[in-house]
């Protein structure tokens, strides 16, 4: 770096580190409607829990917008096509290439169903 001052690069690096630090702290304090109690996340509504479970378990194959990914089916038109019991069975036992999610609690399954049917309307 002969002939080029090091000062502008140092300022840029310091500003970048400062920005990353600030954004990290902002992210720590933006918990939304999720509270921690005894190490477990608590949600204000069943819909929020269902959205959380869906994102963590289903969105990889069915898409964040419920539109399906690749050959995996869309879940944005379930209302009127499947009953809640049918959806629960598909979630807990699997179907075709979809694995069973029997490890989900009844509360989580019910919340995912509420989320899916609300988003299907």
PDB file of N, CA and C in Angstrom:
ATOM      1  N   UNK A   1       0.816  -1.169   0.000  1.00  0.00           N
ATOM      2  CA  UNK A   1       0.000   0.000   0.000  1.00  0.00           C
ATOM      3  C   UNK A   1       0.871   1.249   0.000  1.00  0.00           C
ATOM      4  N   UNK A   2       1.926   1.177  -0.683  1.00  0.00           N
ATOM      5  CA  UNK A   2       2.856   2.292  -0.738  1.00  0.00           C
ATOM      6  C   UNK A   2       2.184   3.459  -1.463  1.00  0.00           C
ATOM      7  N   UNK A   3       2.248   4.604  -0.853  1.00  0.00           N
ATOM      8  CA  UNK A   3       1.705   5.788  -1.470  1.00  0.00           C
ATOM      9  C   UNK A   3       0.237   6.027  -1.153  1.00  0.00           C
ATOM     10  N   UNK A   4      -0.433   5.049  -0.547  1.00  0.00           N
ATOM     11  CA  UNK A   4      -1.836   5.217  -0.192  1.00  0.00           C
ATOM     12  C   UNK A   4      -1.945   5.307   1.322  1.00  0.00           C
ATOM     13  N   UNK A   5      -2.643   6.294   1.801  1.00  0.00           N
ATOM     14  CA  UNK A   5      -2.744   6.436   3.254  1.00  0.00           C
ATOM     15  C   UNK A   5      -3.598   5.323   3.865  1.00  0.00           C
ATOM     16  N   UNK A   6      -3.195   4.871   5.002  1.00  0.00           N
ATOM     17  CA  UNK A   6      -3.889   3.814   5.715  1.00  0.00           C
ATOM     18  C   UNK A   6      -5.092   4.353   6.477  1.00  0.00           C
ATOM     19  N   UNK A   7      -5.093   5.641   6.724  1.00  0.00           N
ATOM     20  CA  UNK A   7      -6.132   6.269   7.534  1.00  0.00           C
ATOM     21  C   UNK A   7      -7.548   6.027   7.011  1.00  0.00           C
ATOM     22  N   UNK A   8      -7.854   6.214   5.724  1.00  0.00           N
ATOM     23  CA  UNK A   8      -9.239   5.972   5.259  1.00  0.00           C
ATOM     24  C   UNK A   8      -9.694   4.524   5.461  1.00  0.00           C
ATOM     25  N   UNK A   9      -8.790   3.602   5.314  1.00  0.00           N
ATOM     26  CA  UNK A   9      -9.141   2.199   5.519  1.00  0.00           C
ATOM     27  C   UNK A   9      -9.428   1.914   6.991  1.00  0.00           C
ATOM     28  N   UNK A  10      -8.663   2.522   7.868  1.00  0.00           N
ATOM     29  CA  UNK A  10      -8.871   2.337   9.299  1.00  0.00           C
ATOM     30  C   UNK A  10     -10.213   2.922   9.725  1.00  0.00           C
ATOM     31  N   UNK A  11     -10.549   4.091   9.211  1.00  0.00           N
ATOM     32  CA  UNK A  11     -11.829   4.722   9.536  1.00  0.00           C
ATOM     33  C   UNK A  11     -12.981   3.835   9.057  1.00  0.00           C
ATOM     34  N   UNK A  12     -12.876   3.328   7.848  1.00  0.00           N
ATOM     35  CA  UNK A  12     -13.913   2.459   7.303  1.00  0.00           C
ATOM     36  C   UNK A  12     -14.075   1.206   8.161  1.00  0.00           C
ATOM     37  N   UNK A  13     -12.983   0.610   8.572  1.00  0.00           N
ATOM     38  CA  UNK A  13     -13.035  -0.589   9.412  1.00  0.00           C
ATOM     39  C   UNK A  13     -13.672  -0.283  10.755  1.00  0.00           C
ATOM     40  N   UNK A  14     -13.309   0.820  11.362  1.00  0.00           N
ATOM     41  CA  UNK A  14     -13.868   1.197  12.666  1.00  0.00           C
ATOM     42  C   UNK A  14     -15.365   1.465  12.548  1.00  0.00           C
ATOM     43  N   UNK A  15     -15.776   2.181  11.511  1.00  0.00           N
ATOM     44  CA  UNK A  15     -17.199   2.449  11.299  1.00  0.00           C
ATOM     45  C   UNK A  15     -17.965   1.148  11.066  1.00  0.00           C
ATOM     46  N   UNK A  16     -17.398   0.247  10.313  1.00  0.00           N
ATOM     47  CA  UNK A  16     -18.050  -1.045  10.053  1.00  0.00           C
ATOM     48  C   UNK A  16     -18.223  -1.855  11.324  1.00  0.00           C
ATOM     49  N   UNK A  17     -17.186  -1.910  12.135  1.00  0.00           N
ATOM     50  CA  UNK A  17     -17.267  -2.646  13.401  1.00  0.00           C
ATOM     51  C   UNK A  17     -18.293  -1.991  14.322  1.00  0.00           C
ATOM     52  N   UNK A  18     -18.305  -0.674  14.350  1.00  0.00           N
ATOM     53  CA  UNK A  18     -19.290   0.049  15.171  1.00  0.00           C
ATOM     54  C   UNK A  18     -20.709  -0.237  14.714  1.00  0.00           C
ATOM     55  N   UNK A  19     -20.939  -0.234  13.413  1.00  0.00           N
ATOM     56  CA  UNK A  19     -22.264  -0.504  12.870  1.00  0.00           C
ATOM     57  C   UNK A  19     -22.715  -1.923  13.200  1.00  0.00           C
ATOM     58  N   UNK A  20     -21.831  -2.872  13.058  1.00  0.00           N
ATOM     59  CA  UNK A  20     -22.154  -4.264  13.380  1.00  0.00           C
ATOM     60  C   UNK A  20     -22.503  -4.399  14.861  1.00  0.00           C
ATOM     61  N   UNK A  21     -21.751  -3.730  15.716  1.00  0.00           N
ATOM     62  CA  UNK A  21     -22.009  -3.779  17.157  1.00  0.00           C
ATOM     63  C   UNK A  21     -23.378  -3.191  17.483  1.00  0.00           C
ATOM     64  N   UNK A  22     -23.679  -2.048  16.907  1.00  0.00           N
ATOM     65  CA  UNK A  22     -24.972  -1.393  17.150  1.00  0.00           C
ATOM     66  C   UNK A  22     -26.117  -2.275  16.670  1.00  0.00           C
ATOM     67  N   UNK A  23     -25.994  -2.828  15.458  1.00  0.00           N
ATOM     68  CA  UNK A  23     -27.054  -3.687  14.933  1.00  0.00           C
ATOM     69  C   UNK A  23     -27.225  -4.953  15.760  1.00  0.00           C
ATOM     70  N   UNK A  24     -26.144  -5.457  16.330  1.00  0.00           N
ATOM     71  CA  UNK A  24     -26.229  -6.634  17.184  1.00  0.00           C
ATOM     72  C   UNK A  24     -27.039  -6.338  18.431  1.00  0.00           C
ATOM     73  N   UNK A  25     -26.782  -5.188  19.040  1.00  0.00           N
ATOM     74  CA  UNK A  25     -27.530  -4.813  20.236  1.00  0.00           C
ATOM     75  C   UNK A  25     -28.989  -4.535  19.909  1.00  0.00           C
ATOM     76  N   UNK A  26     -29.254  -3.920  18.778  1.00  0.00           N
ATOM     77  CA  UNK A  26     -30.636  -3.665  18.371  1.00  0.00           C
ATOM     78  C   UNK A  26     -31.360  -4.994  18.197  1.00  0.00           C
ATOM     79  N   UNK A  27     -30.718  -5.947  17.569  1.00  0.00           N
ATOM     80  CA  UNK A  27     -31.320  -7.267  17.368  1.00  0.00           C
ATOM     81  C   UNK A  27     -31.605  -7.983  18.674  1.00  0.00           C
ATOM     82  N   UNK A  28     -30.755  -7.793  19.676  1.00  0.00           N
ATOM     83  CA  UNK A  28     -30.967  -8.423  20.973  1.00  0.00           C
ATOM     84  C   UNK A  28     -32.218  -7.904  21.663  1.00  0.00           C
ATOM     85  N   UNK A  29     -32.537  -6.655  21.419  1.00  0.00           N
ATOM     86  CA  UNK A  29     -33.660  -6.045  22.119  1.00  0.00           C
ATOM     87  C   UNK A  29     -34.947  -6.045  21.315  1.00  0.00           C
ATOM     88  N   UNK A  30     -34.951  -6.623  20.146  1.00  0.00           N
ATOM     89  CA  UNK A  30     -36.163  -6.710  19.352  1.00  0.00           C
ATOM     90  C   UNK A  30     -36.725  -8.117  19.451  1.00  0.00           C
ATOM     91  N   UNK A  31     -37.296  -8.447  20.571  1.00  0.00           N
ATOM     92  CA  UNK A  31     -37.852  -9.765  20.808  1.00  0.00           C
ATOM     93  C   UNK A  31     -39.260  -9.918  20.275  1.00  0.00           C
ATOM     94  N   UNK A  32     -39.868  -8.843  19.823  1.00  0.00           N
ATOM     95  CA  UNK A  32     -41.235  -8.905  19.324  1.00  0.00           C
ATOM     96  C   UNK A  32     -42.191  -9.314  20.430  1.00  0.00           C
ATOM     97  N   UNK A  33     -43.142 -10.165  20.094  1.00  0.00           N
ATOM     98  CA  UNK A  33     -44.149 -10.602  21.045  1.00  0.00           C
ATOM     99  C   UNK A  33     -43.758 -11.898  21.734  1.00  0.00           C
ATOM    100  N   UNK A  34     -42.516 -12.306  21.587  1.00  0.00           N
ATOM    101  CA  UNK A  34     -42.060 -13.560  22.172  1.00  0.00           C
ATOM    102  C   UNK A  34     -41.371 -13.247  23.498  1.00  0.00           C
ATOM    103  N   UNK A  35     -41.791 -13.930  24.531  1.00  0.00           N
ATOM    104  CA  UNK A  35     -41.174 -13.760  25.840  1.00  0.00           C
ATOM    105  C   UNK A  35     -40.505 -15.068  26.228  1.00  0.00           C
ATOM    106  N   UNK A  36     -39.511 -14.979  27.074  1.00  0.00           N
ATOM    107  CA  UNK A  36     -38.829 -16.172  27.559  1.00  0.00           C
ATOM    108  C   UNK A  36     -39.305 -16.455  28.974  1.00  0.00           C
ATOM    109  N   UNK A  37     -39.692 -17.678  29.219  1.00  0.00           N
ATOM    110  CA  UNK A  37     -40.087 -18.085  30.554  1.00  0.00           C
ATOM    111  C   UNK A  37     -39.548 -19.483  30.776  1.00  0.00           C
ATOM    112  N   UNK A  38     -38.692 -19.637  31.767  1.00  0.00           N
ATOM    113  CA  UNK A  38     -38.070 -20.924  32.063  1.00  0.00           C
ATOM    114  C   UNK A  38     -37.345 -21.492  30.845  1.00  0.00           C
ATOM    115  N   UNK A  39     -36.743 -20.634  30.044  1.00  0.00           N
ATOM    116  CA  UNK A  39     -35.987 -21.081  28.880  1.00  0.00           C
ATOM    117  C   UNK A  39     -36.833 -21.434  27.683  1.00  0.00           C
ATOM    118  N   UNK A  40     -38.164 -21.307  27.791  1.00  0.00           N
ATOM    119  CA  UNK A  40     -39.056 -21.631  26.675  1.00  0.00           C
ATOM    120  C   UNK A  40     -39.682 -20.353  26.138  1.00  0.00           C
ATOM    121  N   UNK A  41     -39.862 -20.314  24.849  1.00  0.00           N
ATOM    122  CA  UNK A  41     -40.488 -19.152  24.244  1.00  0.00           C
ATOM    123  C   UNK A  41     -41.982 -19.171  24.509  1.00  0.00           C
ATOM    124  N   UNK A  42     -42.530 -18.020  24.825  1.00  0.00           N
ATOM    125  CA  UNK A  42     -43.956 -17.874  25.069  1.00  0.00           C
ATOM    126  C   UNK A  42     -44.521 -16.926  24.025  1.00  0.00           C
ATOM    127  N   UNK A  43     -45.629 -17.286  23.411  1.00  0.00           N
ATOM    128  CA  UNK A  43     -46.230 -16.476  22.366  1.00  0.00           C
ATOM    129  C   UNK A  43     -47.552 -15.930  22.854  1.00  0.00           C
ATOM    130  N   UNK A  44     -47.899 -14.727  22.398  1.00  0.00           N
ATOM    131  CA  UNK A  44     -49.147 -14.104  22.827  1.00  0.00           C
ATOM    132  C   UNK A  44     -50.363 -14.786  22.219  1.00  0.00           C
ATOM    133  N   UNK A  45     -50.233 -15.326  21.010  1.00  0.00           N
ATOM    134  CA  UNK A  45     -51.379 -15.975  20.366  1.00  0.00           C
ATOM    135  C   UNK A  45     -50.965 -17.325  19.789  1.00  0.00           C
ATOM    136  N   UNK A  46     -51.961 -18.159  19.571  1.00  0.00           N
ATOM    137  CA  UNK A  46     -51.737 -19.454  18.946  1.00  0.00           C
ATOM    138  C   UNK A  46     -51.226 -19.265  17.515  1.00  0.00           C
ATOM    139  N   UNK A  47     -51.748 -18.240  16.844  1.00  0.00           N
ATOM    140  CA  UNK A  47     -51.310 -17.942  15.474  1.00  0.00           C
ATOM    141  C   UNK A  47     -49.801 -17.685  15.440  1.00  0.00           C
ATOM    142  N   UNK A  48     -49.291 -16.901  16.389  1.00  0.00           N
ATOM    143  CA  UNK A  48     -47.853 -16.597  16.427  1.00  0.00           C
ATOM    144  C   UNK A  48     -47.032 -17.856  16.668  1.00  0.00           C
ATOM    145  N   UNK A  49     -47.504 -18.717  17.558  1.00  0.00           N
ATOM    146  CA  UNK A  49     -46.824 -19.988  17.789  1.00  0.00           C
ATOM    147  C   UNK A  49     -46.829 -20.817  16.512  1.00  0.00           C
ATOM    148  N   UNK A  50     -47.979 -20.878  15.844  1.00  0.00           N
ATOM    149  CA  UNK A  50     -48.074 -21.647  14.605  1.00  0.00           C
ATOM    150  C   UNK A  50     -47.137 -21.123  13.529  1.00  0.00           C
ATOM    151  N   UNK A  51     -47.045 -19.815  13.415  1.00  0.00           N
ATOM    152  CA  UNK A  51     -46.131 -19.219  12.443  1.00  0.00           C
ATOM    153  C   UNK A  51     -44.694 -19.588  12.778  1.00  0.00           C
ATOM    154  N   UNK A  52     -44.339 -19.524  14.053  1.00  0.00           N
ATOM    155  CA  UNK A  52     -42.986 -19.871  14.507  1.00  0.00           C
ATOM    156  C   UNK A  52     -42.658 -21.335  14.185  1.00  0.00           C
ATOM    157  N   UNK A  53     -43.588 -22.227  14.502  1.00  0.00           N
ATOM    158  CA  UNK A  53     -43.375 -23.663  14.241  1.00  0.00           C
ATOM    159  C   UNK A  53     -43.300 -23.915  12.738  1.00  0.00           C
ATOM    160  N   UNK A  54     -44.178 -23.261  11.970  1.00  0.00           N
ATOM    161  CA  UNK A  54     -44.165 -23.422  10.517  1.00  0.00           C
ATOM    162  C   UNK A  54     -42.819 -22.993   9.939  1.00  0.00           C
ATOM    163  N   UNK A  55     -42.342 -21.831  10.324  1.00  0.00           N
ATOM    164  CA  UNK A  55     -41.066 -21.333   9.789  1.00  0.00           C
ATOM    165  C   UNK A  55     -39.935 -22.289  10.133  1.00  0.00           C
ATOM    166  N   UNK A  56     -39.942 -22.818  11.345  1.00  0.00           N
ATOM    167  CA  UNK A  56     -38.866 -23.698  11.777  1.00  0.00           C
ATOM    168  C   UNK A  56     -38.922 -25.105  11.219  1.00  0.00           C
ATOM    169  N   UNK A  57     -40.099 -25.562  10.810  1.00  0.00           N
ATOM    170  CA  UNK A  57     -40.240 -26.957  10.403  1.00  0.00           C
ATOM    171  C   UNK A  57     -40.766 -27.177   8.991  1.00  0.00           C
ATOM    172  N   UNK A  58     -41.487 -26.214   8.451  1.00  0.00           N
ATOM    173  CA  UNK A  58     -42.216 -26.443   7.204  1.00  0.00           C
ATOM    174  C   UNK A  58     -41.777 -25.563   6.041  1.00  0.00           C
ATOM    175  N   UNK A  59     -41.309 -24.360   6.351  1.00  0.00           N
ATOM    176  CA  UNK A  59     -41.049 -23.382   5.289  1.00  0.00           C
ATOM    177  C   UNK A  59     -39.944 -23.806   4.330  1.00  0.00           C
ATOM    178  N   UNK A  60     -39.041 -24.665   4.770  1.00  0.00           N
ATOM    179  CA  UNK A  60     -37.973 -25.119   3.881  1.00  0.00           C
ATOM    180  C   UNK A  60     -38.499 -25.866   2.667  1.00  0.00           C
ATOM    181  N   UNK A  61     -39.592 -26.580   2.841  1.00  0.00           N
ATOM    182  CA  UNK A  61     -40.184 -27.341   1.743  1.00  0.00           C
ATOM    183  C   UNK A  61     -41.420 -26.668   1.145  1.00  0.00           C
ATOM    184  N   UNK A  62     -42.172 -25.970   1.993  1.00  0.00           N
ATOM    185  CA  UNK A  62     -43.430 -25.394   1.523  1.00  0.00           C
ATOM    186  C   UNK A  62     -43.347 -23.891   1.300  1.00  0.00           C
ATOM    187  N   UNK A  63     -42.192 -23.305   1.565  1.00  0.00           N
ATOM    188  CA  UNK A  63     -41.978 -21.888   1.295  1.00  0.00           C
ATOM    189  C   UNK A  63     -42.454 -20.976   2.398  1.00  0.00           C
ATOM    190  N   UNK A  64     -41.759 -19.876   2.575  1.00  0.00           N
ATOM    191  CA  UNK A  64     -42.136 -18.894   3.569  1.00  0.00           C
ATOM    192  C   UNK A  64     -43.481 -18.266   3.272  1.00  0.00           C
ATOM    193  N   UNK A  65     -43.867 -18.268   1.999  1.00  0.00           N
ATOM    194  CA  UNK A  65     -45.162 -17.699   1.599  1.00  0.00           C
ATOM    195  C   UNK A  65     -46.224 -18.781   1.408  1.00  0.00           C
ATOM    196  N   UNK A  66     -45.932 -20.013   1.830  1.00  0.00           N
ATOM    197  CA  UNK A  66     -46.811 -21.177   1.706  1.00  0.00           C
ATOM    198  C   UNK A  66     -47.052 -21.567   0.252  1.00  0.00           C
ATOM    199  N   UNK A  67     -46.244 -21.044  -0.670  1.00  0.00           N
ATOM    200  CA  UNK A  67     -46.444 -21.283  -2.087  1.00  0.00           C
ATOM    201  C   UNK A  67     -45.816 -22.555  -2.612  1.00  0.00           C
ATOM    202  N   UNK A  68     -45.144 -23.325  -1.755  1.00  0.00           N
ATOM    203  CA  UNK A  68     -44.492 -24.551  -2.205  1.00  0.00           C
ATOM    204  C   UNK A  68     -43.108 -24.269  -2.747  1.00  0.00           C
ATOM    205  N   UNK A  69     -42.222 -25.241  -2.639  1.00  0.00           N
ATOM    206  CA  UNK A  69     -40.862 -25.133  -3.157  1.00  0.00           C
ATOM    207  C   UNK A  69     -40.598 -26.372  -3.995  1.00  0.00           C
ATOM    208  N   UNK A  70     -40.206 -26.164  -5.245  1.00  0.00           N
ATOM    209  CA  UNK A  70     -39.948 -27.297  -6.130  1.00  0.00           C
ATOM    210  C   UNK A  70     -41.210 -28.128  -6.312  1.00  0.00           C
ATOM    211  N   UNK A  71     -41.092 -29.433  -6.072  1.00  0.00           N
ATOM    212  CA  UNK A  71     -42.253 -30.312  -6.240  1.00  0.00           C
ATOM    213  C   UNK A  71     -43.091 -30.424  -4.960  1.00  0.00           C
ATOM    214  N   UNK A  72     -42.698 -29.712  -3.913  1.00  0.00           N
ATOM    215  CA  UNK A  72     -43.462 -29.733  -2.658  1.00  0.00           C
ATOM    216  C   UNK A  72     -44.700 -28.860  -2.810  1.00  0.00           C
ATOM    217  N   UNK A  73     -45.836 -29.334  -2.337  1.00  0.00           N
ATOM    218  CA  UNK A  73     -47.090 -28.616  -2.584  1.00  0.00           C
ATOM    219  C   UNK A  73     -47.207 -27.299  -1.827  1.00  0.00           C
ATOM    220  N   UNK A  74     -47.975 -26.407  -2.421  1.00  0.00           N
ATOM    221  CA  UNK A  74     -48.325 -25.144  -1.771  1.00  0.00           C
ATOM    222  C   UNK A  74     -49.335 -25.431  -0.673  1.00  0.00           C
ATOM    223  N   UNK A  75     -49.289 -24.636   0.370  1.00  0.00           N
ATOM    224  CA  UNK A  75     -50.225 -24.802   1.478  1.00  0.00           C
ATOM    225  C   UNK A  75     -51.103 -23.565   1.655  1.00  0.00           C
ATOM    226  N   UNK A  76     -51.193 -22.764   0.620  1.00  0.00           N
ATOM    227  CA  UNK A  76     -51.921 -21.501   0.725  1.00  0.00           C
ATOM    228  C   UNK A  76     -53.386 -21.611   0.293  1.00  0.00           C
ATOM    229  N   UNK A  77     -53.874 -22.816   0.083  1.00  0.00           N
ATOM    230  CA  UNK A  77     -55.280 -22.998  -0.316  1.00  0.00           C
ATOM    231  C   UNK A  77     -55.887 -24.210   0.387  1.00  0.00           C
ATOM    232  N   UNK A  78     -55.578 -24.368   1.670  1.00  0.00           N
ATOM    233  CA  UNK A  78     -56.085 -25.525   2.407  1.00  0.00           C
ATOM    234  C   UNK A  78     -57.530 -25.358   2.847  1.00  0.00           C
ATOM    235  N   UNK A  79     -57.928 -24.106   3.096  1.00  0.00           N
ATOM    236  CA  UNK A  79     -59.279 -23.815   3.580  1.00  0.00           C
ATOM    237  C   UNK A  79     -60.319 -24.433   2.649  1.00  0.00           C
ATOM    238  N   UNK A  80     -61.173 -25.279   3.203  1.00  0.00           N
ATOM    239  CA  UNK A  80     -62.233 -25.908   2.422  1.00  0.00           C
ATOM    240  C   UNK A  80     -61.809 -27.177   1.703  1.00  0.00           C
ATOM    241  N   UNK A  81     -60.511 -27.428   1.599  1.00  0.00           N
ATOM    242  CA  UNK A  81     -60.039 -28.636   0.929  1.00  0.00           C
ATOM    243  C   UNK A  81     -59.679 -29.749   1.909  1.00  0.00           C
ATOM    244  N   UNK A  82     -59.280 -29.378   3.112  1.00  0.00           N
ATOM    245  CA  UNK A  82     -58.910 -30.352   4.139  1.00  0.00           C
ATOM    246  C   UNK A  82     -59.537 -29.931   5.462  1.00  0.00           C
ATOM    247  N   UNK A  83     -59.974 -30.898   6.239  1.00  0.00           N
ATOM    248  CA  UNK A  83     -60.478 -30.601   7.583  1.00  0.00           C
ATOM    249  C   UNK A  83     -59.279 -30.430   8.518  1.00  0.00           C
ATOM    250  N   UNK A  84     -59.527 -29.895   9.686  1.00  0.00           N
ATOM    251  CA  UNK A  84     -58.460 -29.740  10.672  1.00  0.00           C
ATOM    252  C   UNK A  84     -57.894 -31.099  11.069  1.00  0.00           C
ATOM    253  N   UNK A  85     -58.759 -32.104  11.180  1.00  0.00           N
ATOM    254  CA  UNK A  85     -58.300 -33.452  11.528  1.00  0.00           C
ATOM    255  C   UNK A  85     -57.402 -34.034  10.439  1.00  0.00           C
ATOM    256  N   UNK A  86     -57.761 -33.811   9.178  1.00  0.00           N
ATOM    257  CA  UNK A  86     -56.927 -34.308   8.074  1.00  0.00           C
ATOM    258  C   UNK A  86     -55.560 -33.628   8.076  1.00  0.00           C
ATOM    259  N   UNK A  87     -55.552 -32.337   8.315  1.00  0.00           N
ATOM    260  CA  UNK A  87     -54.276 -31.605   8.355  1.00  0.00           C
ATOM    261  C   UNK A  87     -53.427 -32.106   9.519  1.00  0.00           C
ATOM    262  N   UNK A  88     -54.053 -32.307  10.679  1.00  0.00           N
ATOM    263  CA  UNK A  88     -53.327 -32.804  11.854  1.00  0.00           C
ATOM    264  C   UNK A  88     -52.711 -34.171  11.572  1.00  0.00           C
ATOM    265  N   UNK A  89     -53.461 -35.041  10.899  1.00  0.00           N
ATOM    266  CA  UNK A  89     -52.949 -36.373  10.567  1.00  0.00           C
ATOM    267  C   UNK A  89     -51.756 -36.273   9.617  1.00  0.00           C
ATOM    268  N   UNK A  90     -51.848 -35.414   8.631  1.00  0.00           N
ATOM    269  CA  UNK A  90     -50.742 -35.245   7.680  1.00  0.00           C
ATOM    270  C   UNK A  90     -49.501 -34.731   8.408  1.00  0.00           C
ATOM    271  N   UNK A  91     -49.682 -33.779   9.319  1.00  0.00           N
ATOM    272  CA  UNK A  91     -48.543 -33.223  10.054  1.00  0.00           C
ATOM    273  C   UNK A  91     -47.902 -34.288  10.940  1.00  0.00           C
ATOM    274  N   UNK A  92     -48.715 -35.014  11.694  1.00  0.00           N
ATOM    275  CA  UNK A  92     -48.154 -35.949  12.677  1.00  0.00           C
ATOM    276  C   UNK A  92     -47.698 -37.278  12.091  1.00  0.00           C
ATOM    277  N   UNK A  93     -48.324 -37.714  10.985  1.00  0.00           N
ATOM    278  CA  UNK A  93     -47.979 -39.013  10.411  1.00  0.00           C
ATOM    279  C   UNK A  93     -47.208 -38.919   9.106  1.00  0.00           C
ATOM    280  N   UNK A  94     -47.205 -37.739   8.495  1.00  0.00           N
ATOM    281  CA  UNK A  94     -46.534 -37.574   7.213  1.00  0.00           C
ATOM    282  C   UNK A  94     -47.418 -38.040   6.074  1.00  0.00           C
ATOM    283  N   UNK A  95     -46.945 -37.778   4.864  1.00  0.00           N
ATOM    284  CA  UNK A  95     -47.714 -38.196   3.676  1.00  0.00           C
ATOM    285  C   UNK A  95     -46.785 -38.123   2.468  1.00  0.00           C
ATOM    286  N   UNK A  96     -46.713 -39.190   1.718  1.00  0.00           N
ATOM    287  CA  UNK A  96     -45.836 -39.218   0.555  1.00  0.00           C
ATOM    288  C   UNK A  96     -44.396 -38.948   0.971  1.00  0.00           C
ATOM    289  N   UNK A  97     -43.778 -37.944   0.376  1.00  0.00           N
ATOM    290  CA  UNK A  97     -42.391 -37.605   0.692  1.00  0.00           C
ATOM    291  C   UNK A  97     -42.258 -36.783   1.973  1.00  0.00           C
ATOM    292  N   UNK A  98     -43.389 -36.313   2.510  1.00  0.00           N
ATOM    293  CA  UNK A  98     -43.329 -35.494   3.719  1.00  0.00           C
ATOM    294  C   UNK A  98     -43.131 -36.380   4.943  1.00  0.00           C
ATOM    295  N   UNK A  99     -42.136 -36.047   5.761  1.00  0.00           N
ATOM    296  CA  UNK A  99     -41.912 -36.844   6.969  1.00  0.00           C
ATOM    297  C   UNK A  99     -42.956 -36.535   8.035  1.00  0.00           C
ATOM    298  N   UNK A 100     -43.092 -37.442   8.976  1.00  0.00           N
ATOM    299  CA  UNK A 100     -43.990 -37.236  10.112  1.00  0.00           C
ATOM    300  C   UNK A 100     -43.351 -36.253  11.090  1.00  0.00           C
ATOM    301  N   UNK A 101     -44.161 -35.404  11.663  1.00  0.00           N
ATOM    302  CA  UNK A 101     -43.699 -34.473  12.689  1.00  0.00           C
ATOM    303  C   UNK A 101     -44.393 -34.803  14.005  1.00  0.00           C
ATOM    304  N   UNK A 102     -44.338 -36.073  14.390  1.00  0.00           N
ATOM    305  CA  UNK A 102     -44.960 -36.544  15.610  1.00  0.00           C
ATOM    306  C   UNK A 102     -44.338 -35.972  16.863  1.00  0.00           C
ATOM    307  N   UNK A 103     -43.160 -35.384  16.741  1.00  0.00           N
ATOM    308  CA  UNK A 103     -42.498 -34.796  17.906  1.00  0.00           C
ATOM    309  C   UNK A 103     -43.121 -33.475  18.321  1.00  0.00           C
ATOM    310  N   UNK A 104     -43.964 -32.902  17.458  1.00  0.00           N
ATOM    311  CA  UNK A 104     -44.638 -31.655  17.804  1.00  0.00           C
ATOM    312  C   UNK A 104     -45.732 -31.938  18.827  1.00  0.00           C
ATOM    313  N   UNK A 105     -45.892 -31.028  19.774  1.00  0.00           N
ATOM    314  CA  UNK A 105     -46.955 -31.180  20.767  1.00  0.00           C
ATOM    315  C   UNK A 105     -48.310 -30.920  20.110  1.00  0.00           C
ATOM    316  N   UNK A 106     -49.371 -31.344  20.779  1.00  0.00           N
ATOM    317  CA  UNK A 106     -50.724 -31.078  20.270  1.00  0.00           C
ATOM    318  C   UNK A 106     -50.951 -29.579  20.124  1.00  0.00           C
ATOM    319  N   UNK A 107     -50.436 -28.807  21.077  1.00  0.00           N
ATOM    320  CA  UNK A 107     -50.570 -27.350  21.013  1.00  0.00           C
ATOM    321  C   UNK A 107     -49.886 -26.795  19.767  1.00  0.00           C
ATOM    322  N   UNK A 108     -48.693 -27.297  19.460  1.00  0.00           N
ATOM    323  CA  UNK A 108     -47.972 -26.834  18.271  1.00  0.00           C
ATOM    324  C   UNK A 108     -48.694 -27.225  16.987  1.00  0.00           C
ATOM    325  N   UNK A 109     -49.201 -28.451  16.922  1.00  0.00           N
ATOM    326  CA  UNK A 109     -49.937 -28.901  15.737  1.00  0.00           C
ATOM    327  C   UNK A 109     -51.178 -28.039  15.541  1.00  0.00           C
ATOM    328  N   UNK A 110     -51.936 -27.826  16.615  1.00  0.00           N
ATOM    329  CA  UNK A 110     -53.136 -26.990  16.520  1.00  0.00           C
ATOM    330  C   UNK A 110     -52.786 -25.568  16.086  1.00  0.00           C
ATOM    331  N   UNK A 111     -51.665 -25.049  16.598  1.00  0.00           N
ATOM    332  CA  UNK A 111     -51.242 -23.693  16.237  1.00  0.00           C
ATOM    333  C   UNK A 111     -50.837 -23.610  14.765  1.00  0.00           C
ATOM    334  N   UNK A 112     -50.142 -24.627  14.260  1.00  0.00           N
ATOM    335  CA  UNK A 112     -49.763 -24.645  12.848  1.00  0.00           C
ATOM    336  C   UNK A 112     -51.021 -24.698  11.980  1.00  0.00           C
ATOM    337  N   UNK A 113     -51.988 -25.508  12.383  1.00  0.00           N
ATOM    338  CA  UNK A 113     -53.242 -25.590  11.629  1.00  0.00           C
ATOM    339  C   UNK A 113     -53.929 -24.234  11.608  1.00  0.00           C
ATOM    340  N   UNK A 114     -53.992 -23.573  12.755  1.00  0.00           N
ATOM    341  CA  UNK A 114     -54.600 -22.236  12.798  1.00  0.00           C
ATOM    342  C   UNK A 114     -53.862 -21.272  11.871  1.00  0.00           C
ATOM    343  N   UNK A 115     -52.537 -21.306  11.908  1.00  0.00           N
ATOM    344  CA  UNK A 115     -51.733 -20.453  11.035  1.00  0.00           C
ATOM    345  C   UNK A 115     -52.031 -20.745   9.572  1.00  0.00           C
ATOM    346  N   UNK A 116     -52.009 -22.028   9.203  1.00  0.00           N
ATOM    347  CA  UNK A 116     -52.225 -22.404   7.794  1.00  0.00           C
ATOM    348  C   UNK A 116     -53.617 -22.002   7.307  1.00  0.00           C
ATOM    349  N   UNK A 117     -54.628 -22.281   8.121  1.00  0.00           N
ATOM    350  CA  UNK A 117     -55.993 -21.965   7.687  1.00  0.00           C
ATOM    351  C   UNK A 117     -56.238 -20.453   7.650  1.00  0.00           C
ATOM    352  N   UNK A 118     -55.622 -19.719   8.563  1.00  0.00           N
ATOM    353  CA  UNK A 118     -55.751 -18.265   8.545  1.00  0.00           C
ATOM    354  C   UNK A 118     -55.090 -17.698   7.299  1.00  0.00           C
ATOM    355  N   UNK A 119     -53.938 -18.221   6.945  1.00  0.00           N
ATOM    356  CA  UNK A 119     -53.213 -17.738   5.768  1.00  0.00           C
ATOM    357  C   UNK A 119     -53.866 -18.209   4.474  1.00  0.00           C
ATOM    358  N   UNK A 120     -54.707 -19.240   4.539  1.00  0.00           N
ATOM    359  CA  UNK A 120     -55.388 -19.759   3.347  1.00  0.00           C
ATOM    360  C   UNK A 120     -56.613 -18.957   2.970  1.00  0.00           C
ATOM    361  N   UNK A 121     -57.101 -18.152   3.899  1.00  0.00           N
ATOM    362  CA  UNK A 121     -58.350 -17.433   3.665  1.00  0.00           C
ATOM    363  C   UNK A 121     -58.203 -16.378   2.601  1.00  0.00           C
TER     364      UNK A 121
END
